[in-house]
Amino acid sequence: QVQLVESGGGLVQPGDSLRLSCKVSGSFFKTATMGWYRQAPGKQRELVASITNGGSTNYPESVKGRATISRDNAKTTVYLRMNDLKPEDTAVYYCRAQLGGGLEYWGQGTQVTVSS
């Protein structure tokens, strides 16, 4: 059974950093493009960062310079480190595994709240 389980969210203050983890069960991990997305209330889900099976990364302008995605194939885990967090980073953060042929899996999400 495929499972993506996010962890590491919580309440942080503006300017803080945090690291999210997504543990993946499934033999496909090494070949998957992994991504972190977020969805704030009333807004569409948006990409935060992605990393290919070869290690190439992609970030939108909104988080470039503050976000770092990484993966540990031995642990079948993908990480997202966010620095200098802002209130507008408040959202539910989701992990996504993207395989060939349009197949994808999502985690259940972890809440990140940035507030003083």
Protein backbone atom coordinates (compact mmCIF):
# COMPACT_ATOMS: atom_id res chain seq x y z
CA GLN A 1 0.00 0.00 0.00
CA VAL A 2 1.33 3.41 -0.96
CA GLN A 3 1.51 5.96 1.81
CA LEU A 4 2.92 9.45 2.01
CA VAL A 5 3.06 10.76 5.57
CA GLU A 6 4.02 14.35 6.24
CA SER A 7 5.31 15.63 9.56
CA GLY A 8 7.03 18.67 11.03
CA GLY A 9 4.30 21.27 10.78
CA GLY A 10 3.13 23.45 13.61
CA LEU A 11 2.91 27.00 14.91
CA VAL A 12 5.99 29.14 14.34
CA GLN A 13 6.79 32.82 14.59
CA PRO A 14 7.66 35.10 11.67
CA GLY A 15 11.32 34.75 10.82
CA ASP A 16 11.55 31.21 12.15
CA SER A 17 12.62 28.17 10.18
CA LEU A 18 11.17 24.69 10.02
CA ARG A 19 11.74 21.40 8.27
CA LEU A 20 8.95 19.24 6.95
CA SER A 21 9.41 15.56 6.24
CA CYS A 22 7.46 13.21 4.00
CA LYS A 23 8.02 9.53 4.53
CA VAL A 24 7.03 7.43 1.53
CA SER A 25 6.18 3.77 1.56
CA GLY A 26 6.48 2.25 -1.88
CA SER A 27 9.20 0.85 -4.07
CA PHE A 28 8.76 3.65 -6.60
CA PHE A 29 10.41 6.36 -4.52
CA LYS A 30 13.77 6.36 -6.31
CA THR A 31 12.15 6.95 -9.69
CA ALA A 32 9.55 9.52 -8.62
CA THR A 33 9.62 13.26 -8.90
CA MET A 34 8.73 14.50 -5.43
CA GLY A 35 7.10 17.77 -4.63
CA TRP A 36 5.81 19.94 -1.84
CA TYR A 37 2.63 21.93 -2.36
CA ARG A 38 0.61 24.15 -0.09
CA GLN A 39 -2.95 25.35 0.13
CA ALA A 40 -4.07 28.32 2.15
CA PRO A 41 -7.74 28.86 3.04
CA GLY A 42 -9.68 30.11 0.05
CA LYS A 43 -6.74 29.66 -2.31
CA GLN A 44 -5.68 27.09 -4.86
CA ARG A 45 -3.04 24.54 -4.10
CA GLU A 46 0.35 25.76 -5.30
CA LEU A 47 3.79 24.32 -5.83
CA VAL A 48 6.40 25.12 -3.20
CA ALA A 49 9.27 22.97 -4.44
CA SER A 50 9.99 19.86 -6.47
CA ILE A 51 12.92 17.53 -6.94
CA THR A 52 13.43 14.98 -9.70
CA ASN A 53 14.88 11.52 -9.26
CA GLY A 54 18.13 12.99 -10.56
CA GLY A 55 18.16 15.73 -7.94
CA SER A 56 17.13 18.70 -10.08
CA THR A 57 15.09 21.18 -8.09
CA ASN A 58 12.48 23.77 -8.95
CA TYR A 59 11.08 26.63 -6.85
CA PRO A 60 8.53 29.34 -7.61
CA GLU A 61 9.58 32.95 -7.11
CA SER A 62 7.46 33.23 -3.97
CA VAL A 63 9.79 30.94 -2.00
CA LYS A 64 13.03 31.02 -4.00
CA GLY A 65 15.92 31.62 -1.64
CA ARG A 66 13.90 30.60 1.42
CA ALA A 67 12.98 27.01 0.56
CA THR A 68 15.19 23.99 0.08
CA ILE A 69 13.92 20.60 -0.98
CA SER A 70 16.01 17.47 -0.58
CA ARG A 71 15.54 13.73 -0.70
CA ASP A 72 17.08 10.71 0.95
CA ASN A 73 16.48 7.70 -1.25
CA ALA A 74 17.78 5.30 1.40
CA LYS A 75 15.16 6.57 3.84
CA THR A 76 12.50 7.10 1.11
CA THR A 77 11.93 10.54 2.58
CA VAL A 78 11.72 13.99 1.07
CA TYR A 79 12.32 17.13 3.10
CA LEU A 80 11.39 20.77 2.82
CA ARG A 81 13.26 23.38 4.79
CA MET A 82 11.75 26.83 4.91
CA ASN A 83 13.62 29.82 6.32
CA ASP A 84 12.46 33.31 7.23
CA LEU A 85 8.85 32.21 7.44
CA LYS A 86 6.16 34.82 6.82
CA PRO A 87 2.48 34.90 7.76
CA GLU A 88 1.66 34.34 4.09
CA ASP A 89 3.40 30.96 4.29
CA THR A 90 0.55 29.76 6.50
CA ALA A 91 -1.09 26.81 4.76
CA VAL A 92 -1.53 23.08 4.73
CA TYR A 93 1.58 21.59 3.16
CA TYR A 94 1.21 18.46 1.05
CA CYS A 95 3.71 15.98 -0.30
CA ARG A 96 3.26 14.62 -3.82
CA ALA A 97 4.88 11.73 -5.64
CA GLN A 98 4.72 11.95 -9.42
CA LEU A 99 5.37 8.87 -11.51
CA GLY A 100 5.21 8.13 -15.20
CA GLY A 101 1.96 7.83 -17.08
CA GLY A 102 0.21 10.46 -14.99
CA LEU A 103 0.23 8.39 -11.84
CA GLU A 104 0.55 10.40 -8.65
CA TYR A 105 0.10 10.06 -4.92
CA TRP A 106 -0.55 12.67 -2.25
CA GLY A 107 -0.08 12.81 1.47
CA GLN A 108 -2.72 13.97 3.91
CA GLY A 109 -1.02 17.28 4.62
CA THR A 110 0.51 19.02 7.60
CA GLN A 111 -0.54 22.44 8.90
CA VAL A 112 1.99 25.23 9.09
CA THR A 113 0.89 28.39 10.86
CA VAL A 114 3.13 31.45 10.97
CA SER A 115 1.95 33.92 13.57
CA SER A 116 3.28 36.07 16.37
